[in-house]
Amino acid sequence: EEDKLVVIRGGPYLMYGIPLILRPMTEYFDLSCEQMSRVPVWVQFPNLPLKCWSPACLSKIASVFGKPIQCDKLTSNLSRLSYARMLIEIDLLDLQYTIDVFMPNGSTLHQNVVFEILLKFHNHFHVLGHTRLLCPKVAARTALVQTKADG
């Protein structure tokens, strides 16, 4: 049990650069009932001014979206200046695609945000892996309503 907790809390874990989500296994291995909306996602901040690339500033910007986890190496080393990139635990229920960054000189920067590999997420049932369009619960309800209407 203790080893399991060490592994689960020890992340972030990445496979080919994509965050791997680890959760304790549910009783009877029923993953369909798991409700979660907070997941780690790589987030890009295109054309972010270099004044905002300090670890403190990047962390502050990332915290608008959720819990900052880490910067990628190219961002930390200032090796790729077209965008800053951070791994952030975000809430899929509250996605923002632009934010306002208040600069030290008093101006406001309207910063665009790019989410890499956003997972399919059902907003109503808070389930990862499918959208409302492909939801078996919605399909079952629709079939039930149609049956009642026919009957």
N, C-alpha and C. Protein backbone atom coordinates (compact mmCIF):
# COMPACT_ATOMS: atom_id res chain seq x y z
N GLU A 1 0.84 -1.20 0.00
CA GLU A 1 0.00 0.00 0.00
C GLU A 1 0.88 1.26 0.00
N GLU A 2 1.92 1.25 0.83
CA GLU A 2 2.79 2.41 0.91
C GLU A 2 3.53 2.63 -0.41
N ASP A 3 3.98 1.53 -1.03
CA ASP A 3 4.67 1.64 -2.33
C ASP A 3 3.74 2.22 -3.39
N LYS A 4 2.47 1.82 -3.35
CA LYS A 4 1.49 2.32 -4.32
C LYS A 4 1.35 3.84 -4.17
N LEU A 5 1.26 4.32 -2.95
CA LEU A 5 1.11 5.76 -2.72
C LEU A 5 2.36 6.52 -3.16
N VAL A 6 3.53 5.94 -2.95
CA VAL A 6 4.77 6.58 -3.39
C VAL A 6 4.76 6.76 -4.90
N VAL A 7 4.34 5.73 -5.62
CA VAL A 7 4.30 5.80 -7.09
C VAL A 7 3.25 6.81 -7.55
N ILE A 8 2.06 6.77 -6.98
CA ILE A 8 0.98 7.67 -7.40
C ILE A 8 1.34 9.13 -7.15
N ARG A 9 1.97 9.40 -6.01
CA ARG A 9 2.33 10.78 -5.66
C ARG A 9 3.65 11.24 -6.26
N GLY A 10 4.40 10.30 -6.87
CA GLY A 10 5.75 10.61 -7.32
C GLY A 10 5.86 11.27 -8.67
N GLY A 11 4.77 11.51 -9.36
CA GLY A 11 4.80 12.06 -10.71
C GLY A 11 5.39 13.45 -10.77
N PRO A 12 5.34 14.09 -11.90
CA PRO A 12 4.59 13.66 -13.07
C PRO A 12 5.34 12.59 -13.85
N TYR A 13 4.58 11.70 -14.45
CA TYR A 13 5.14 10.67 -15.31
C TYR A 13 4.74 11.00 -16.75
N LEU A 14 5.70 10.89 -17.65
CA LEU A 14 5.45 11.19 -19.05
C LEU A 14 5.81 9.97 -19.89
N MET A 15 4.98 9.69 -20.89
CA MET A 15 5.30 8.65 -21.87
C MET A 15 5.35 9.34 -23.23
N TYR A 16 6.56 9.37 -23.81
CA TYR A 16 6.77 10.06 -25.07
C TYR A 16 6.33 11.52 -24.99
N GLY A 17 6.55 12.13 -23.82
CA GLY A 17 6.22 13.52 -23.62
C GLY A 17 4.76 13.80 -23.28
N ILE A 18 3.94 12.76 -23.21
CA ILE A 18 2.52 12.92 -22.91
C ILE A 18 2.29 12.51 -21.45
N PRO A 19 1.60 13.35 -20.67
CA PRO A 19 1.38 13.02 -19.26
C PRO A 19 0.61 11.71 -19.09
N LEU A 20 1.06 10.90 -18.16
CA LEU A 20 0.41 9.66 -17.80
C LEU A 20 -0.34 9.90 -16.49
N ILE A 21 -1.64 9.63 -16.49
CA ILE A 21 -2.47 9.87 -15.31
C ILE A 21 -2.56 8.58 -14.52
N LEU A 22 -2.12 8.63 -13.28
CA LEU A 22 -2.21 7.47 -12.38
C LEU A 22 -3.22 7.77 -11.29
N ARG A 23 -4.13 6.85 -11.08
CA ARG A 23 -5.13 6.96 -10.02
C ARG A 23 -5.22 5.60 -9.34
N PRO A 24 -5.59 5.56 -8.07
CA PRO A 24 -5.80 4.25 -7.41
C PRO A 24 -6.91 3.49 -8.13
N MET A 25 -6.72 2.18 -8.28
CA MET A 25 -7.72 1.36 -8.96
C MET A 25 -8.99 1.29 -8.12
N THR A 26 -10.12 1.43 -8.79
CA THR A 26 -11.40 1.36 -8.11
C THR A 26 -11.76 -0.09 -7.82
N GLU A 27 -12.67 -0.28 -6.90
CA GLU A 27 -13.13 -1.62 -6.57
C GLU A 27 -13.78 -2.24 -7.81
N TYR A 28 -13.49 -3.48 -8.08
CA TYR A 28 -14.00 -4.24 -9.23
C TYR A 28 -13.53 -3.66 -10.57
N PHE A 29 -12.47 -2.84 -10.53
CA PHE A 29 -11.86 -2.30 -11.75
C PHE A 29 -12.88 -1.59 -12.64
N ASP A 30 -13.80 -0.84 -12.04
CA ASP A 30 -14.82 -0.12 -12.80
C ASP A 30 -14.35 1.30 -13.03
N LEU A 31 -13.70 1.54 -14.16
CA LEU A 31 -13.19 2.86 -14.47
C LEU A 31 -14.25 3.79 -15.05
N SER A 32 -15.38 3.24 -15.47
CA SER A 32 -16.40 4.07 -16.11
C SER A 32 -17.05 5.04 -15.13
N CYS A 33 -16.99 4.74 -13.84
CA CYS A 33 -17.66 5.61 -12.87
C CYS A 33 -16.76 6.71 -12.35
N GLU A 34 -15.48 6.67 -12.72
CA GLU A 34 -14.54 7.67 -12.20
C GLU A 34 -14.87 9.05 -12.75
N GLN A 35 -15.05 9.96 -11.85
CA GLN A 35 -15.31 11.33 -12.24
C GLN A 35 -14.08 12.16 -11.92
N MET A 36 -13.50 12.77 -12.93
CA MET A 36 -12.36 13.63 -12.68
C MET A 36 -12.27 14.66 -13.78
N SER A 37 -11.91 15.85 -13.38
CA SER A 37 -11.79 16.91 -14.37
C SER A 37 -10.42 17.56 -14.31
N ARG A 38 -9.60 17.23 -13.33
CA ARG A 38 -8.27 17.82 -13.19
C ARG A 38 -7.22 16.87 -13.76
N VAL A 39 -6.53 17.30 -14.81
CA VAL A 39 -5.53 16.47 -15.47
C VAL A 39 -4.31 17.32 -15.84
N PRO A 40 -3.13 16.69 -15.92
CA PRO A 40 -1.95 17.43 -16.36
C PRO A 40 -1.95 17.58 -17.88
N VAL A 41 -1.70 18.78 -18.35
CA VAL A 41 -1.69 19.07 -19.79
C VAL A 41 -0.53 20.02 -20.07
N TRP A 42 0.19 19.78 -21.17
CA TRP A 42 1.20 20.73 -21.61
C TRP A 42 0.49 21.94 -22.19
N VAL A 43 0.90 23.11 -21.74
CA VAL A 43 0.28 24.38 -22.16
C VAL A 43 1.36 25.26 -22.77
N GLN A 44 1.07 25.82 -23.92
CA GLN A 44 2.00 26.73 -24.60
C GLN A 44 1.50 28.17 -24.46
N PHE A 45 2.45 29.06 -24.28
CA PHE A 45 2.17 30.50 -24.24
C PHE A 45 2.93 31.13 -25.41
N PRO A 46 2.29 31.19 -26.61
CA PRO A 46 3.01 31.70 -27.79
C PRO A 46 3.33 33.18 -27.67
N ASN A 47 4.53 33.52 -28.16
CA ASN A 47 4.99 34.93 -28.22
C ASN A 47 4.98 35.61 -26.86
N LEU A 48 5.20 34.86 -25.81
CA LEU A 48 5.27 35.45 -24.47
C LEU A 48 6.54 36.29 -24.37
N PRO A 49 6.45 37.55 -23.95
CA PRO A 49 7.65 38.40 -23.85
C PRO A 49 8.69 37.79 -22.91
N LEU A 50 9.95 37.96 -23.25
CA LEU A 50 11.03 37.39 -22.45
C LEU A 50 11.02 37.87 -21.00
N LYS A 51 10.47 39.04 -20.75
CA LYS A 51 10.38 39.54 -19.38
C LYS A 51 9.54 38.61 -18.50
N CYS A 52 8.71 37.79 -19.13
CA CYS A 52 7.80 36.90 -18.38
C CYS A 52 8.35 35.48 -18.26
N TRP A 53 9.60 35.23 -18.66
CA TRP A 53 10.13 33.88 -18.69
C TRP A 53 10.85 33.47 -17.41
N SER A 54 10.85 34.28 -16.40
CA SER A 54 11.48 33.87 -15.14
C SER A 54 10.61 32.77 -14.51
N PRO A 55 11.22 31.87 -13.74
CA PRO A 55 10.42 30.81 -13.10
C PRO A 55 9.26 31.36 -12.26
N ALA A 56 9.48 32.45 -11.57
CA ALA A 56 8.41 33.02 -10.73
C ALA A 56 7.27 33.54 -11.58
N CYS A 57 7.59 34.23 -12.67
CA CYS A 57 6.55 34.79 -13.54
C CYS A 57 5.79 33.68 -14.27
N LEU A 58 6.52 32.69 -14.79
CA LEU A 58 5.85 31.58 -15.47
C LEU A 58 4.93 30.82 -14.52
N SER A 59 5.39 30.63 -13.31
CA SER A 59 4.57 29.93 -12.32
C SER A 59 3.31 30.73 -11.99
N LYS A 60 3.45 32.04 -11.90
CA LYS A 60 2.29 32.90 -11.62
C LYS A 60 1.28 32.85 -12.76
N ILE A 61 1.78 32.89 -13.99
CA ILE A 61 0.89 32.81 -15.16
C ILE A 61 0.21 31.45 -15.20
N ALA A 62 1.00 30.38 -14.99
CA ALA A 62 0.44 29.02 -15.02
C ALA A 62 -0.60 28.80 -13.94
N SER A 63 -0.43 29.44 -12.80
CA SER A 63 -1.37 29.23 -11.69
C SER A 63 -2.77 29.76 -11.99
N VAL A 64 -2.90 30.62 -13.02
CA VAL A 64 -4.22 31.07 -13.46
C VAL A 64 -5.02 29.87 -13.98
N PHE A 65 -4.32 28.90 -14.56
CA PHE A 65 -4.97 27.74 -15.17
C PHE A 65 -5.10 26.56 -14.22
N GLY A 66 -4.26 26.51 -13.21
CA GLY A 66 -4.28 25.38 -12.28
C GLY A 66 -2.98 25.30 -11.52
N LYS A 67 -2.55 24.07 -11.26
CA LYS A 67 -1.34 23.84 -10.47
C LYS A 67 -0.14 23.65 -11.40
N PRO A 68 0.82 24.59 -11.38
CA PRO A 68 2.02 24.42 -12.22
C PRO A 68 2.80 23.19 -11.75
N ILE A 69 3.25 22.38 -12.71
CA ILE A 69 4.01 21.18 -12.36
C ILE A 69 5.48 21.36 -12.76
N GLN A 70 5.73 21.70 -14.03
CA GLN A 70 7.11 21.91 -14.47
C GLN A 70 7.14 22.63 -15.81
N CYS A 71 8.30 23.26 -16.09
CA CYS A 71 8.58 23.82 -17.41
C CYS A 71 9.28 22.76 -18.23
N ASP A 72 9.18 22.84 -19.54
CA ASP A 72 10.00 21.95 -20.35
C ASP A 72 11.42 22.52 -20.41
N LYS A 73 12.36 21.68 -20.84
CA LYS A 73 13.77 22.09 -20.83
C LYS A 73 14.05 23.25 -21.76
N LEU A 74 13.39 23.28 -22.91
CA LEU A 74 13.63 24.36 -23.86
C LEU A 74 13.17 25.71 -23.31
N THR A 75 12.13 25.69 -22.50
CA THR A 75 11.67 26.93 -21.85
C THR A 75 12.65 27.33 -20.75
N SER A 76 13.06 26.36 -19.94
CA SER A 76 13.99 26.65 -18.84
C SER A 76 15.32 27.19 -19.35
N ASN A 77 15.78 26.64 -20.49
CA ASN A 77 17.07 27.05 -21.04
C ASN A 77 16.98 28.23 -22.00
N LEU A 78 15.79 28.74 -22.23
CA LEU A 78 15.54 29.81 -23.21
C LEU A 78 16.07 29.41 -24.59
N SER A 79 15.89 28.14 -24.94
CA SER A 79 16.39 27.63 -26.22
C SER A 79 15.38 27.77 -27.35
N ARG A 80 14.11 27.87 -27.05
CA ARG A 80 13.06 28.05 -28.05
C ARG A 80 12.25 29.26 -27.59
N LEU A 81 12.34 30.34 -28.32
CA LEU A 81 11.73 31.58 -27.84
C LEU A 81 10.37 31.87 -28.46
N SER A 82 9.88 31.00 -29.35
CA SER A 82 8.59 31.27 -29.98
C SER A 82 7.43 31.04 -29.01
N TYR A 83 7.62 30.18 -28.02
CA TYR A 83 6.59 29.99 -26.99
C TYR A 83 7.22 29.38 -25.74
N ALA A 84 6.64 29.73 -24.61
CA ALA A 84 6.99 29.08 -23.34
C ALA A 84 6.04 27.90 -23.19
N ARG A 85 6.53 26.84 -22.56
CA ARG A 85 5.72 25.62 -22.43
C ARG A 85 5.83 25.10 -21.00
N MET A 86 4.65 24.82 -20.41
CA MET A 86 4.60 24.32 -19.03
C MET A 86 3.60 23.19 -18.91
N LEU A 87 3.92 22.26 -18.03
CA LEU A 87 2.98 21.21 -17.67
C LEU A 87 2.18 21.72 -16.48
N ILE A 88 0.85 21.76 -16.64
CA ILE A 88 -0.03 22.34 -15.62
C ILE A 88 -1.17 21.37 -15.37
N GLU A 89 -1.49 21.15 -14.12
CA GLU A 89 -2.70 20.38 -13.80
C GLU A 89 -3.87 21.34 -13.92
N ILE A 90 -4.67 21.14 -14.97
CA ILE A 90 -5.77 22.06 -15.26
C ILE A 90 -7.10 21.39 -14.96
N ASP A 91 -8.11 22.23 -14.81
CA ASP A 91 -9.48 21.75 -14.64
C ASP A 91 -10.16 21.86 -15.99
N LEU A 92 -10.55 20.71 -16.54
CA LEU A 92 -11.18 20.69 -17.86
C LEU A 92 -12.55 21.36 -17.87
N LEU A 93 -13.11 21.63 -16.69
CA LEU A 93 -14.39 22.33 -16.60
C LEU A 93 -14.22 23.84 -16.75
N ASP A 94 -12.98 24.32 -16.67
CA ASP A 94 -12.74 25.76 -16.65
C ASP A 94 -11.58 26.13 -17.56
N LEU A 95 -11.71 25.85 -18.85
CA LEU A 95 -10.63 26.15 -19.79
C LEU A 95 -10.70 27.61 -20.22
N GLN A 96 -9.56 28.26 -20.22
CA GLN A 96 -9.44 29.63 -20.71
C GLN A 96 -8.43 29.62 -21.85
N TYR A 97 -8.74 30.28 -22.95
CA TYR A 97 -7.85 30.28 -24.10
C TYR A 97 -7.08 31.58 -24.25
N THR A 98 -7.42 32.57 -23.47
CA THR A 98 -6.65 33.81 -23.39
C THR A 98 -6.68 34.29 -21.94
N ILE A 99 -5.62 34.97 -21.56
CA ILE A 99 -5.58 35.59 -20.23
C ILE A 99 -4.97 36.97 -20.38
N ASP A 100 -5.23 37.80 -19.42
CA ASP A 100 -4.60 39.12 -19.36
C ASP A 100 -3.44 39.05 -18.38
N VAL A 101 -2.26 39.44 -18.86
CA VAL A 101 -1.06 39.51 -18.02
C VAL A 101 -0.74 40.98 -17.82
N PHE A 102 -0.71 41.40 -16.57
CA PHE A 102 -0.42 42.80 -16.26
C PHE A 102 1.09 42.97 -16.13
N MET A 103 1.65 43.75 -17.05
CA MET A 103 3.10 43.92 -17.15
C MET A 103 3.57 44.96 -16.13
N PRO A 104 4.86 44.90 -15.77
CA PRO A 104 5.42 45.85 -14.78
C PRO A 104 5.28 47.31 -15.19
N ASN A 105 5.24 47.60 -16.51
CA ASN A 105 5.13 48.99 -16.95
C ASN A 105 3.68 49.51 -16.94
N GLY A 106 2.74 48.66 -16.48
CA GLY A 106 1.35 49.08 -16.39
C GLY A 106 0.49 48.65 -17.57
N SER A 107 1.11 48.15 -18.63
CA SER A 107 0.33 47.72 -19.79
C SER A 107 -0.25 46.32 -19.54
N THR A 108 -1.21 45.97 -20.36
CA THR A 108 -1.85 44.65 -20.26
C THR A 108 -1.54 43.85 -21.51
N LEU A 109 -1.06 42.65 -21.32
CA LEU A 109 -0.77 41.75 -22.43
C LEU A 109 -1.90 40.74 -22.53
N HIS A 110 -2.53 40.65 -23.69
CA HIS A 110 -3.58 39.65 -23.93
C HIS A 110 -2.88 38.41 -24.47
N GLN A 111 -2.67 37.44 -23.61
CA GLN A 111 -1.87 36.26 -23.94
C GLN A 111 -2.74 35.11 -24.40
N ASN A 112 -2.47 34.63 -25.62
CA ASN A 112 -3.15 33.43 -26.10
C ASN A 112 -2.53 32.20 -25.47
N VAL A 113 -3.31 31.14 -25.39
CA VAL A 113 -2.87 29.90 -24.76
C VAL A 113 -3.22 28.74 -25.69
N VAL A 114 -2.31 27.78 -25.81
CA VAL A 114 -2.53 26.59 -26.62
C VAL A 114 -2.40 25.37 -25.70
N PHE A 115 -3.46 24.56 -25.65
CA PHE A 115 -3.42 23.33 -24.88
C PHE A 115 -3.01 22.19 -25.81
N GLU A 116 -1.95 21.48 -25.45
CA GLU A 116 -1.52 20.34 -26.26
C GLU A 116 -2.30 19.10 -25.82
N ILE A 117 -2.76 18.33 -26.77
CA ILE A 117 -3.40 17.04 -26.52
C ILE A 117 -4.43 17.13 -25.39
N LEU A 118 -5.49 17.87 -25.65
CA LEU A 118 -6.59 17.92 -24.68
C LEU A 118 -7.37 16.61 -24.74
N LEU A 119 -7.60 16.03 -23.61
CA LEU A 119 -8.33 14.76 -23.55
C LEU A 119 -9.82 14.98 -23.83
N LYS A 120 -10.46 13.95 -24.39
CA LYS A 120 -11.91 13.99 -24.53
C LYS A 120 -12.49 14.04 -23.13
N PHE A 121 -13.48 14.92 -22.94
CA PHE A 121 -14.03 15.10 -21.60
C PHE A 121 -15.52 15.39 -21.70
N HIS A 122 -16.30 14.68 -20.90
CA HIS A 122 -17.75 14.88 -20.87
C HIS A 122 -18.06 15.89 -19.77
N ASN A 123 -18.48 17.08 -20.15
CA ASN A 123 -18.71 18.16 -19.19
C ASN A 123 -19.81 17.86 -18.18
N HIS A 124 -20.84 17.11 -18.57
CA HIS A 124 -21.96 16.87 -17.67
C HIS A 124 -21.63 15.82 -16.61
N PHE A 125 -21.08 14.68 -17.04
CA PHE A 125 -20.79 13.60 -16.10
C PHE A 125 -19.36 13.64 -15.56
N HIS A 126 -18.53 14.55 -16.06
CA HIS A 126 -17.14 14.72 -15.63
C HIS A 126 -16.34 13.44 -15.80
N VAL A 127 -16.46 12.83 -16.95
CA VAL A 127 -15.78 11.57 -17.24
C VAL A 127 -14.81 11.78 -18.40
N LEU A 128 -13.58 11.28 -18.22
CA LEU A 128 -12.58 11.34 -19.28
C LEU A 128 -12.81 10.22 -20.29
N GLY A 129 -12.43 10.46 -21.52
CA GLY A 129 -12.42 9.40 -22.52
C GLY A 129 -13.50 9.50 -23.58
N HIS A 130 -14.51 10.30 -23.35
CA HIS A 130 -15.51 10.51 -24.39
C HIS A 130 -16.22 11.84 -24.18
N THR A 131 -16.89 12.28 -25.21
CA THR A 131 -17.62 13.54 -25.15
C THR A 131 -19.11 13.26 -25.01
N ARG A 132 -19.88 14.28 -24.86
CA ARG A 132 -21.33 14.13 -24.72
C ARG A 132 -21.92 13.42 -25.95
N LEU A 133 -21.36 13.71 -27.11
CA LEU A 133 -21.85 13.12 -28.35
C LEU A 133 -21.72 11.59 -28.35
N LEU A 134 -20.67 11.08 -27.73
CA LEU A 134 -20.40 9.64 -27.72
C LEU A 134 -20.72 8.99 -26.37
N CYS A 135 -21.44 9.67 -25.52
CA CYS A 135 -21.69 9.18 -24.17
C CYS A 135 -22.75 8.08 -24.15
N PRO A 136 -22.42 6.90 -23.60
CA PRO A 136 -23.41 5.82 -23.53
C PRO A 136 -24.59 6.16 -22.61
N LYS A 137 -24.35 6.98 -21.57
CA LYS A 137 -25.45 7.36 -20.67
C LYS A 137 -26.46 8.25 -21.39
N VAL A 138 -25.96 9.16 -22.23
CA VAL A 138 -26.86 10.04 -22.99
C VAL A 138 -27.62 9.22 -24.02
N ALA A 139 -26.92 8.28 -24.68
CA ALA A 139 -27.58 7.41 -25.68
C ALA A 139 -28.68 6.58 -25.02
N ALA A 140 -28.42 6.06 -23.81
CA ALA A 140 -29.42 5.26 -23.10
C ALA A 140 -30.64 6.12 -22.74
N ARG A 141 -30.39 7.34 -22.30
CA ARG A 141 -31.51 8.24 -21.96
C ARG A 141 -32.32 8.58 -23.20
N THR A 142 -31.64 8.83 -24.32
CA THR A 142 -32.32 9.16 -25.57
C THR A 142 -33.19 8.00 -26.02
N ALA A 143 -32.65 6.78 -25.93
CA ALA A 143 -33.41 5.59 -26.31
C ALA A 143 -34.63 5.42 -25.41
N LEU A 144 -34.46 5.69 -24.10
CA LEU A 144 -35.56 5.57 -23.15
C LEU A 144 -36.66 6.58 -23.47
N VAL A 145 -36.27 7.81 -23.78
CA VAL A 145 -37.25 8.85 -24.12
C VAL A 145 -37.98 8.48 -25.41
N GLN A 146 -37.26 7.98 -26.40
CA GLN A 146 -37.89 7.59 -27.66
C GLN A 146 -38.85 6.42 -27.44
N THR A 147 -38.48 5.46 -26.60
CA THR A 147 -39.35 4.32 -26.31
C THR A 147 -40.63 4.78 -25.64
N LYS A 148 -40.51 5.69 -24.68
CA LYS A 148 -41.70 6.21 -23.99
C LYS A 148 -42.59 6.99 -24.96
N ALA A 149 -41.96 7.74 -25.87
CA ALA A 149 -42.74 8.51 -26.84
C ALA A 149 -43.46 7.59 -27.82
N ASP A 150 -42.85 6.47 -28.17
CA ASP A 150 -43.46 5.52 -29.11
C ASP A 150 -44.56 4.70 -28.45
N GLY A 151 -44.42 4.50 -27.14
CA GLY A 151 -45.26 3.53 -26.47
C GLY A 151 -46.51 3.97 -25.91
